[in-house]
């Protein structure tokens, strides 16, 4: 049985790390797959800036995020960012949130991990 820790993961780009974009997507995909196998998972993953693109139609990671959401992890996408990238009606997983929502999640989290 898995438990949810009061941890917030923030994804702010279309992958993990800087450098090669294809490698960054592969690293994030591996990270998410390993995260889904963990006994202790974060409560929330927040997405802002280009990170919101990972929740939209055509993202190669939608399946992984759906699996995490089905496991009880909340996925919150910055509405301003979605609007900026014209993705408001293209999100396949997660919910829209405001910057106030993201700030509140940061305040109450015991730990914040930035990817």
C-alpha atoms as a PDB file:
ATOM      1  CA  UNK A   1       0.000   0.000   0.000  1.00  0.00           C
ATOM      2  CA  UNK A   2       1.407   3.369  -0.958  1.00  0.00           C
ATOM      3  CA  UNK A   3       1.251   6.492   1.131  1.00  0.00           C
ATOM      4  CA  UNK A   4       1.285  10.088   0.010  1.00  0.00           C
ATOM      5  CA  UNK A   5       3.850  12.369   1.605  1.00  0.00           C
ATOM      6  CA  UNK A   6       3.340  16.089   1.953  1.00  0.00           C
ATOM      7  CA  UNK A   7       5.815  16.737  -0.856  1.00  0.00           C
ATOM      8  CA  UNK A   8       5.303  19.058  -3.805  1.00  0.00           C
ATOM      9  CA  UNK A   9       7.117  18.366  -7.061  1.00  0.00           C
ATOM     10  CA  UNK A  10       7.331  21.300  -9.465  1.00  0.00           C
ATOM     11  CA  UNK A  11       7.873  20.770 -13.180  1.00  0.00           C
ATOM     12  CA  UNK A  12       8.739  23.974 -15.023  1.00  0.00           C
ATOM     13  CA  UNK A  13      10.083  22.747 -18.353  1.00  0.00           C
ATOM     14  CA  UNK A  14       9.499  20.041 -20.964  1.00  0.00           C
ATOM     15  CA  UNK A  15      11.915  17.556 -19.491  1.00  0.00           C
ATOM     16  CA  UNK A  16      14.508  17.171 -16.791  1.00  0.00           C
ATOM     17  CA  UNK A  17      17.750  19.106 -16.651  1.00  0.00           C
ATOM     18  CA  UNK A  18      19.335  21.404 -19.191  1.00  0.00           C
ATOM     19  CA  UNK A  19      20.857  20.440 -22.506  1.00  0.00           C
ATOM     20  CA  UNK A  20      19.466  17.921 -24.950  1.00  0.00           C
ATOM     21  CA  UNK A  21      15.642  18.112 -25.057  1.00  0.00           C
ATOM     22  CA  UNK A  22      15.172  14.487 -26.109  1.00  0.00           C
ATOM     23  CA  UNK A  23      17.352  13.321 -23.228  1.00  0.00           C
ATOM     24  CA  UNK A  24      15.441  15.589 -20.834  1.00  0.00           C
ATOM     25  CA  UNK A  25      12.137  13.946 -21.830  1.00  0.00           C
ATOM     26  CA  UNK A  26      13.643  10.472 -21.452  1.00  0.00           C
ATOM     27  CA  UNK A  27      14.981  11.323 -17.993  1.00  0.00           C
ATOM     28  CA  UNK A  28      11.613  12.682 -16.873  1.00  0.00           C
ATOM     29  CA  UNK A  29       9.793   9.635 -18.257  1.00  0.00           C
ATOM     30  CA  UNK A  30      12.142   7.368 -16.304  1.00  0.00           C
ATOM     31  CA  UNK A  31      11.709   9.488 -13.177  1.00  0.00           C
ATOM     32  CA  UNK A  32       7.910   9.297 -13.406  1.00  0.00           C
ATOM     33  CA  UNK A  33       7.971   5.543 -13.978  1.00  0.00           C
ATOM     34  CA  UNK A  34      10.152   5.060 -10.910  1.00  0.00           C
ATOM     35  CA  UNK A  35       7.969   7.447  -8.912  1.00  0.00           C
ATOM     36  CA  UNK A  36       4.903   5.350  -9.706  1.00  0.00           C
ATOM     37  CA  UNK A  37       6.664   2.310  -8.200  1.00  0.00           C
ATOM     38  CA  UNK A  38       7.566   4.089  -4.950  1.00  0.00           C
ATOM     39  CA  UNK A  39       5.703   3.280  -1.758  1.00  0.00           C
ATOM     40  CA  UNK A  40       5.741   6.919  -0.693  1.00  0.00           C
ATOM     41  CA  UNK A  41       4.625   9.362  -3.346  1.00  0.00           C
ATOM     42  CA  UNK A  42       4.190  13.141  -3.362  1.00  0.00           C
ATOM     43  CA  UNK A  43       0.725  14.579  -2.820  1.00  0.00           C
ATOM     44  CA  UNK A  44       0.975  17.114  -5.626  1.00  0.00           C
ATOM     45  CA  UNK A  45       2.857  17.870  -8.824  1.00  0.00           C
ATOM     46  CA  UNK A  46       2.576  21.502  -9.954  1.00  0.00           C
ATOM     47  CA  UNK A  47       3.299  22.528 -13.530  1.00  0.00           C
ATOM     48  CA  UNK A  48       4.161  25.987 -14.690  1.00  0.00           C
ATOM     49  CA  UNK A  49       5.906  27.729 -17.568  1.00  0.00           C
ATOM     50  CA  UNK A  50       6.686  25.181 -20.337  1.00  0.00           C
ATOM     51  CA  UNK A  51       6.016  22.307 -17.928  1.00  0.00           C
ATOM     52  CA  UNK A  52       2.283  22.654 -18.620  1.00  0.00           C
ATOM     53  CA  UNK A  53       2.891  21.369 -22.155  1.00  0.00           C
ATOM     54  CA  UNK A  54       3.527  17.914 -20.678  1.00  0.00           C
ATOM     55  CA  UNK A  55      -0.168  17.606 -19.740  1.00  0.00           C
ATOM     56  CA  UNK A  56      -1.530  18.540 -23.163  1.00  0.00           C
ATOM     57  CA  UNK A  57      -2.585  16.651 -26.267  1.00  0.00           C
ATOM     58  CA  UNK A  58       0.408  15.096 -27.979  1.00  0.00           C
ATOM     59  CA  UNK A  59       2.642  14.979 -24.913  1.00  0.00           C
ATOM     60  CA  UNK A  60       4.651  11.737 -24.754  1.00  0.00           C
ATOM     61  CA  UNK A  61       4.156  11.667 -20.966  1.00  0.00           C
ATOM     62  CA  UNK A  62       0.364  11.890 -20.660  1.00  0.00           C
ATOM     63  CA  UNK A  63       0.064   8.162 -19.860  1.00  0.00           C
ATOM     64  CA  UNK A  64       2.571   8.412 -17.009  1.00  0.00           C
ATOM     65  CA  UNK A  65       0.767  11.420 -15.564  1.00  0.00           C
ATOM     66  CA  UNK A  66      -2.613   9.672 -15.837  1.00  0.00           C
ATOM     67  CA  UNK A  67      -1.163   6.725 -13.912  1.00  0.00           C
ATOM     68  CA  UNK A  68       0.113   9.054 -11.180  1.00  0.00           C
ATOM     69  CA  UNK A  69      -3.222  10.875 -11.022  1.00  0.00           C
ATOM     70  CA  UNK A  70      -5.037   7.539 -10.730  1.00  0.00           C
ATOM     71  CA  UNK A  71      -2.698   6.713  -7.830  1.00  0.00           C
ATOM     72  CA  UNK A  72      -4.018   9.783  -5.991  1.00  0.00           C
ATOM     73  CA  UNK A  73      -1.424  12.415  -6.870  1.00  0.00           C
ATOM     74  CA  UNK A  74      -2.943  15.817  -7.681  1.00  0.00           C
ATOM     75  CA  UNK A  75      -1.657  17.429 -10.870  1.00  0.00           C
ATOM     76  CA  UNK A  76      -2.087  21.211 -10.954  1.00  0.00           C
ATOM     77  CA  UNK A  77      -1.310  23.242 -14.086  1.00  0.00           C
ATOM     78  CA  UNK A  78      -0.823  27.014 -14.018  1.00  0.00           C
ATOM     79  CA  UNK A  79      -3.796  28.561 -15.819  1.00  0.00           C
ATOM     80  CA  UNK A  80      -1.803  31.638 -16.895  1.00  0.00           C
ATOM     81  CA  UNK A  81       0.799  29.361 -18.472  1.00  0.00           C
ATOM     82  CA  UNK A  82      -1.847  27.270 -20.221  1.00  0.00           C
ATOM     83  CA  UNK A  83      -3.362  30.444 -21.606  1.00  0.00           C
ATOM     84  CA  UNK A  84       0.054  31.721 -22.747  1.00  0.00           C
ATOM     85  CA  UNK A  85       0.719  28.504 -24.690  1.00  0.00           C
ATOM     86  CA  UNK A  86      -2.894  28.322 -26.000  1.00  0.00           C
ATOM     87  CA  UNK A  87      -3.475  25.038 -24.169  1.00  0.00           C
ATOM     88  CA  UNK A  88      -6.515  25.843 -22.011  1.00  0.00           C
ATOM     89  CA  UNK A  89      -8.712  23.386 -23.923  1.00  0.00           C
ATOM     90  CA  UNK A  90      -6.014  20.819 -24.704  1.00  0.00           C
ATOM     91  CA  UNK A  91      -5.159  19.451 -21.263  1.00  0.00           C
ATOM     92  CA  UNK A  92      -5.606  15.678 -21.078  1.00  0.00           C
ATOM     93  CA  UNK A  93      -4.791  15.194 -17.401  1.00  0.00           C
ATOM     94  CA  UNK A  94      -4.712  17.302 -14.259  1.00  0.00           C
ATOM     95  CA  UNK A  95      -6.572  20.433 -13.260  1.00  0.00           C
ATOM     96  CA  UNK A  96      -6.066  24.133 -13.814  1.00  0.00           C
ATOM     97  CA  UNK A  97      -4.868  26.213 -10.897  1.00  0.00           C
ATOM     98  CA  UNK A  98      -3.901  29.791 -10.251  1.00  0.00           C
ATOM     99  CA  UNK A  99      -0.575  31.117  -9.049  1.00  0.00           C
ATOM    100  CA  UNK A 100      -2.260  31.602  -5.673  1.00  0.00           C
ATOM    101  CA  UNK A 101      -3.027  27.863  -5.647  1.00  0.00           C
ATOM    102  CA  UNK A 102       0.596  27.033  -6.440  1.00  0.00           C
ATOM    103  CA  UNK A 103       1.854  29.424  -3.747  1.00  0.00           C
ATOM    104  CA  UNK A 104      -0.454  27.802  -1.208  1.00  0.00           C
ATOM    105  CA  UNK A 105       0.804  24.344  -2.187  1.00  0.00           C
ATOM    106  CA  UNK A 106       4.376  25.574  -1.659  1.00  0.00           C
ATOM    107  CA  UNK A 107       3.520  27.025   1.764  1.00  0.00           C
ATOM    108  CA  UNK A 108       1.955  23.869   3.135  1.00  0.00           C
ATOM    109  CA  UNK A 109       4.405  21.354   1.663  1.00  0.00           C
ATOM    110  CA  UNK A 110       6.970  19.833   3.970  1.00  0.00           C
ATOM    111  CA  UNK A 111       9.309  19.474   1.012  1.00  0.00           C
ATOM    112  CA  UNK A 112       9.468  21.025  -2.479  1.00  0.00           C
ATOM    113  CA  UNK A 113      11.334  19.266  -5.300  1.00  0.00           C
ATOM    114  CA  UNK A 114      12.069  21.197  -8.490  1.00  0.00           C
ATOM    115  CA  UNK A 115      12.622  19.233 -11.683  1.00  0.00           C
END
